[in-house]
Protein backbone atom coordinates (compact mmCIF):
# COMPACT_ATOMS: atom_id res chain seq x y z
CA MET A 1 -62.28 84.80 -0.64
CA ARG A 2 -59.66 83.36 1.66
CA LEU A 3 -57.64 80.39 0.55
CA ALA A 4 -56.36 77.97 3.16
CA LEU A 5 -52.70 77.20 2.77
CA LEU A 6 -52.14 73.51 3.02
CA GLY A 7 -48.74 72.01 3.63
CA PRO A 8 -47.55 68.78 2.03
CA PRO A 9 -49.46 65.67 3.09
CA GLN A 10 -48.09 64.16 6.27
CA GLU A 11 -47.15 60.48 6.35
CA ALA A 12 -48.68 58.37 9.08
CA VAL A 13 -46.29 57.84 11.95
CA LYS A 14 -44.96 54.29 11.84
CA ALA A 15 -44.40 52.40 15.04
CA PRO A 16 -40.70 51.74 15.55
CA GLU A 17 -39.70 48.10 15.33
CA LYS A 18 -39.12 46.51 18.72
CA PRO A 19 -36.22 44.17 19.50
CA PHE A 20 -37.04 40.54 20.24
CA LEU A 21 -35.28 37.19 20.38
CA THR A 22 -36.54 33.63 20.02
CA LEU A 23 -34.55 30.43 20.45
CA ASN A 24 -36.26 27.25 19.27
CA VAL A 25 -34.56 23.87 19.68
CA GLU A 26 -36.05 20.91 17.85
CA GLY A 27 -34.54 17.69 16.56
CA GLY A 28 -31.08 18.79 17.67
CA THR A 29 -31.24 22.03 15.66
CA ALA A 30 -31.23 25.40 17.45
CA THR A 31 -32.88 28.22 15.48
CA LEU A 32 -32.43 31.83 16.55
CA THR A 33 -34.77 34.50 15.18
CA GLY A 34 -35.15 38.10 16.22
CA THR A 35 -34.26 41.73 15.69
CA LEU A 36 -31.25 43.26 17.47
CA PRO A 37 -29.69 46.74 17.37
CA ASP A 38 -26.13 46.02 16.27
CA ASP A 39 -23.66 43.39 15.11
CA ASP A 40 -21.86 43.21 18.46
CA THR A 41 -25.06 42.31 20.32
CA LYS A 42 -25.97 39.72 17.70
CA SER A 43 -22.48 38.22 17.73
CA ARG A 44 -22.49 37.86 21.52
CA ILE A 45 -25.86 36.07 21.55
CA THR A 46 -25.45 33.88 18.46
CA GLY A 47 -21.89 33.05 19.51
CA GLN A 48 -23.09 31.64 22.82
CA ALA A 49 -25.80 29.61 21.09
CA ALA A 50 -23.16 28.19 18.74
CA ARG A 51 -20.93 27.27 21.68
CA VAL A 52 -23.62 25.39 23.59
CA TYR A 53 -25.41 23.73 20.66
CA GLY A 54 -22.57 23.52 18.12
CA ARG A 55 -22.26 25.85 15.13
CA ALA A 56 -23.22 23.07 12.72
CA ASN A 57 -26.50 22.62 14.61
CA MET A 58 -27.47 26.30 14.65
CA VAL A 59 -29.64 28.29 12.23
CA ASP A 60 -29.16 32.07 12.46
CA ARG A 61 -32.18 34.14 11.41
CA VAL A 62 -31.42 37.18 13.55
CA ARG A 63 -31.65 40.57 11.81
CA VAL A 64 -29.72 43.70 12.76
CA GLU A 65 -31.79 46.87 12.68
CA SER A 66 -30.08 50.06 13.82
CA SER A 67 -33.37 51.79 14.64
CA VAL A 68 -34.22 49.42 17.51
CA ALA A 69 -33.06 50.32 21.00
CA LYS A 70 -30.63 48.40 23.18
CA GLU A 71 -32.37 46.81 26.13
CA PRO A 72 -30.95 45.34 29.37
CA TRP A 73 -32.12 41.81 28.54
CA MET A 74 -29.65 41.62 25.66
CA LYS A 75 -26.78 41.22 28.12
CA ALA A 76 -28.67 38.45 29.92
CA ALA A 77 -29.65 36.51 26.77
CA PRO A 78 -26.42 34.44 26.48
CA SER A 79 -26.78 33.22 30.10
CA ILE A 80 -30.46 32.38 29.58
CA ILE A 81 -29.54 30.34 26.51
CA THR A 82 -26.94 28.45 28.55
CA PHE A 83 -29.45 27.57 31.29
CA ALA A 84 -31.88 26.24 28.69
CA ALA A 85 -29.24 24.16 26.92
CA ARG A 86 -28.15 22.55 30.18
CA ASP A 87 -31.49 21.42 31.57
CA VAL A 88 -34.31 21.79 29.03
CA HIS A 89 -35.05 19.30 26.24
CA ASN A 90 -36.37 20.91 23.03
CA ALA A 91 -36.11 24.32 24.65
CA ARG A 92 -37.89 27.43 23.45
CA ILE A 93 -37.03 30.88 24.76
CA GLU A 94 -38.98 33.99 23.80
CA ILE A 95 -37.72 37.40 24.93
CA GLU A 96 -39.79 40.41 24.02
CA LYS A 97 -40.58 43.75 25.61
CA ASP A 98 -40.54 43.14 29.39
CA ALA A 99 -40.92 39.36 29.57
CA VAL A 100 -39.11 36.10 28.88
CA ARG A 101 -41.00 32.85 28.33
CA VAL A 102 -39.19 29.54 28.82
CA SER A 103 -40.77 26.39 27.35
CA GLY A 104 -39.73 22.78 26.79
CA ASN A 105 -39.38 19.50 28.65
CA VAL A 106 -37.61 18.98 31.99
CA THR A 107 -37.16 15.73 33.87
CA SER A 108 -38.52 16.80 37.27
CA GLN A 109 -40.16 19.58 39.23
CA LYS A 110 -36.83 20.19 40.94
CA VAL A 111 -35.11 20.82 37.61
CA LYS A 112 -37.98 23.04 36.52
CA ASN A 113 -37.67 25.19 39.64
CA LYS A 114 -33.91 25.42 39.16
CA VAL A 115 -34.25 26.62 35.56
CA LEU A 116 -36.85 29.25 36.46
CA ARG A 117 -34.74 30.51 39.37
CA SER A 118 -31.66 30.72 37.16
CA VAL A 119 -33.49 32.64 34.45
CA ALA A 120 -35.09 34.99 36.96
CA GLY A 121 -31.72 35.64 38.59
CA THR A 122 -30.07 36.77 35.38
CA SER A 123 -32.98 38.24 33.42
CA ARG A 124 -32.39 41.87 34.43
CA GLY A 125 -35.94 42.67 35.46
CA LEU A 126 -37.81 40.62 32.85
CA LYS A 127 -41.00 38.90 33.94
CA VAL A 128 -40.42 35.16 33.71
CA GLN A 129 -43.27 33.16 32.17
CA ASP A 130 -43.28 29.42 32.80
CA GLY A 131 -43.97 27.12 29.87
CA LEU A 132 -41.92 24.16 31.10
CA ILE A 133 -43.45 20.69 31.12
CA VAL A 134 -42.30 18.03 33.59
CA GLY A 135 -41.91 14.58 32.06
CA LYS A 136 -40.28 13.15 28.96
CA GLY A 137 -43.57 12.27 27.27
CA ALA A 138 -45.07 15.75 27.23
CA VAL A 139 -46.09 17.30 23.93
CA MET A 140 -43.63 20.01 22.88
CA ALA A 141 -44.83 23.57 22.35
CA ALA A 142 -42.45 24.12 19.49
CA ALA A 143 -44.09 21.59 17.18
CA PRO A 144 -44.46 23.00 13.63
CA ALA A 145 -47.89 24.09 12.46
CA THR A 146 -49.59 21.35 10.46
CA ALA A 147 -53.06 20.62 9.24
CA ALA A 148 -55.07 18.10 11.26
CA PRO A 149 -54.98 14.59 9.78
CA ALA A 150 -58.32 13.14 8.67
CA ALA A 151 -58.08 10.33 11.23
CA LEU A 152 -58.46 12.88 14.03
CA LEU A 153 -61.54 14.60 12.64
CA LYS A 154 -64.20 12.11 13.76
CA ALA A 155 -66.08 14.56 15.93
CA PRO A 156 -69.37 13.69 17.64
CA ALA A 157 -72.53 14.97 15.97
CA GLY A 158 -73.05 18.65 16.77
CA ALA A 159 -69.56 19.06 18.21
CA VAL A 160 -68.42 21.51 15.55
CA GLU A 161 -71.33 23.89 16.14
CA THR A 162 -71.04 23.60 19.92
CA LEU A 163 -67.31 24.30 19.93
CA GLY A 164 -67.76 27.19 17.53
CA GLN A 165 -70.28 28.83 19.84
CA GLN A 166 -68.05 28.34 22.88
CA LEU A 167 -65.05 29.94 21.13
CA LYS A 168 -67.03 32.88 19.78
CA GLY A 169 -65.87 36.14 21.32
CA LYS A 170 -62.74 34.66 22.90
CA LEU A 171 -60.22 37.34 21.93
CA SER A 172 -56.78 36.99 23.50
CA PRO A 173 -55.03 40.41 23.75
CA PHE A 174 -51.32 41.04 23.19
CA ASN A 175 -48.87 43.75 24.19
CA PHE A 176 -48.15 46.58 21.76
CA ASN A 177 -45.81 45.65 18.89
CA ALA A 178 -45.12 42.26 20.47
CA ALA A 179 -46.07 38.59 20.36
CA MET A 180 -46.15 38.44 24.16
CA MET A 181 -49.57 37.89 25.70
CA THR A 182 -51.00 40.19 28.35
CA PRO A 183 -52.10 38.65 31.68
CA GLN A 184 -55.69 38.89 30.44
CA GLY A 185 -54.62 37.15 27.25
CA ILE A 186 -53.14 34.25 29.20
CA LYS A 187 -56.34 33.95 31.23
CA ILE A 188 -58.42 33.74 28.05
CA LEU A 189 -56.07 31.15 26.53
CA ASP A 190 -56.46 29.03 29.67
CA GLU A 191 -60.24 29.16 29.11
CA VAL A 192 -59.81 28.33 25.41
CA ALA A 193 -57.63 25.30 26.26
CA VAL A 194 -60.34 23.91 28.55
CA ILE A 195 -62.98 24.44 25.86
CA ILE A 196 -60.98 22.79 23.07
CA ASN A 197 -59.88 19.87 25.23
CA GLY A 198 -63.53 19.27 26.12
CA THR A 199 -64.41 18.50 22.48
CA HIS A 200 -62.39 15.86 20.66
CA GLY A 201 -61.64 15.65 16.97
CA VAL A 202 -62.47 19.20 15.87
CA PRO A 203 -59.65 21.26 14.24
CA VAL A 204 -59.28 24.90 15.28
CA GLU A 205 -57.69 27.76 13.36
CA ILE A 206 -55.95 30.53 15.32
CA SER A 207 -55.82 33.89 13.56
CA GLY A 208 -53.44 36.68 14.56
CA HIS A 209 -54.37 40.37 14.29
CA THR A 210 -52.75 43.75 14.87
CA CYS A 211 -53.72 47.40 15.13
CA SER A 212 -53.07 49.74 12.19
CA MET A 213 -49.81 51.23 13.49
CA GLY A 214 -46.75 50.25 11.50
CA PRO A 215 -46.18 48.96 7.94
CA SER A 216 -48.77 46.47 6.68
CA ASP A 217 -46.18 43.81 5.79
CA TYR A 218 -44.66 44.02 9.27
CA ASN A 219 -48.13 43.75 10.82
CA LEU A 220 -48.85 40.65 8.75
CA SER A 221 -45.68 39.04 10.15
CA LEU A 222 -46.50 40.21 13.69
CA GLY A 223 -50.00 38.72 13.44
CA LYS A 224 -48.49 35.35 12.48
CA ARG A 225 -46.10 35.48 15.43
CA ARG A 226 -49.04 36.16 17.74
CA ALA A 227 -51.04 33.25 16.33
CA ASP A 228 -48.02 30.93 16.65
CA ALA A 229 -47.46 32.06 20.27
CA ALA A 230 -51.08 31.29 21.14
CA ARG A 231 -50.77 27.87 19.47
CA ARG A 232 -47.67 26.99 21.47
CA TYR A 233 -49.37 28.00 24.71
CA LEU A 234 -52.44 25.85 23.96
CA ILE A 235 -50.21 22.85 23.21
CA GLU A 236 -48.52 23.36 26.57
CA LYS A 237 -52.01 23.16 28.10
CA GLY A 238 -52.64 19.75 26.53
CA VAL A 239 -54.31 20.57 23.21
CA ARG A 240 -53.08 18.19 20.51
CA ALA A 241 -50.75 20.00 18.11
CA GLU A 242 -52.31 18.50 14.99
CA ARG A 243 -55.67 20.11 15.85
CA LEU A 244 -54.28 23.64 15.65
CA THR A 245 -53.33 25.70 12.59
CA THR A 246 -52.39 29.38 12.41
CA MET A 247 -52.72 32.30 10.02
CA SER A 248 -52.44 36.08 10.10
CA PHE A 249 -54.74 38.86 8.92
CA GLY A 250 -52.40 41.61 10.14
CA GLU A 251 -54.28 44.91 10.40
CA THR A 252 -56.98 44.05 7.84
CA ARG A 253 -59.75 42.86 10.21
CA PRO A 254 -60.12 45.36 13.06
CA VAL A 255 -62.94 44.84 15.56
CA ALA A 256 -62.53 48.27 17.19
CA ASP A 257 -61.63 51.84 16.20
CA ASN A 258 -57.92 52.17 15.39
CA GLU A 259 -58.16 55.93 15.94
CA THR A 260 -58.36 55.42 19.70
CA ARG A 261 -55.83 53.92 22.11
CA GLU A 262 -58.45 51.58 23.56
CA GLY A 263 -59.51 50.41 20.11
CA ARG A 264 -55.96 49.68 19.04
CA GLN A 265 -55.40 47.58 22.16
CA ILE A 266 -58.52 45.51 21.39
CA ASN A 267 -57.30 44.92 17.83
CA ARG A 268 -53.99 43.41 19.03
CA ARG A 269 -55.41 39.93 19.51
CA THR A 270 -55.80 36.33 18.44
CA GLU A 271 -59.12 34.71 17.59
CA PHE A 272 -60.16 31.07 17.47
CA HIS A 273 -62.41 29.52 14.83
CA VAL A 274 -63.56 25.98 14.13
CA LYS A 275 -62.45 24.72 10.73
CA LYS A 276 -65.59 23.38 9.11
CA GLY A 277 -66.00 21.00 6.25
CA GLU A 278 -62.67 19.19 6.59
């Protein structure tokens, strides 16, 4: 009889954490969150935010993680923050992987074009995504997630079932290890915005999902970031903020095989469900 010699069990390879940076300005308070590779990089970015918004008005939630790589956009981040502070009301900047998304209110199309040109000129190759809204009365994308008040839930008869059917199968894909939507994901969110805006008074829950790569607690956090990103985008497209809530299932609800590259890409998604019985 031959005995197979088995080595020690191998641990699953964990996806390395990716650097990202988010600036969210609301009510005069600038909050920075993200993961950066070293203290010098963090100090340069948070220092600039403190200079333009005032240290007393800044909340620093940036982590330093030595395993993440330095990326060219980190040198551009202080300048991008400055452009936002100068011309964007309630600004939100999201830098992740190969893209930067700029959201908030601007006073005119001319100012909007100027901000986007400035960001593009200093972004060191990042794709610039436009989330700016022209006009002081626009709804802000950075509104906190809240449950829909009862006064807004007077939906026409049959509206809940109709909206639920229309949203079924609308899966918005995301880039690997990121809360940045793919071009196909943006296209689907545009469709979802039209659908939700076509039915008044029905609350919608956005759930964020990931593939199985990486630690489960990190994936739960990543799923929430994806759901929040989709919510902000829908608000920019005119969906009322109070109609949208978010949650994360992390890697626990795959819809495709995580053993294949194609399946993992499908599982990096957000879904949209009508909240019934509220």
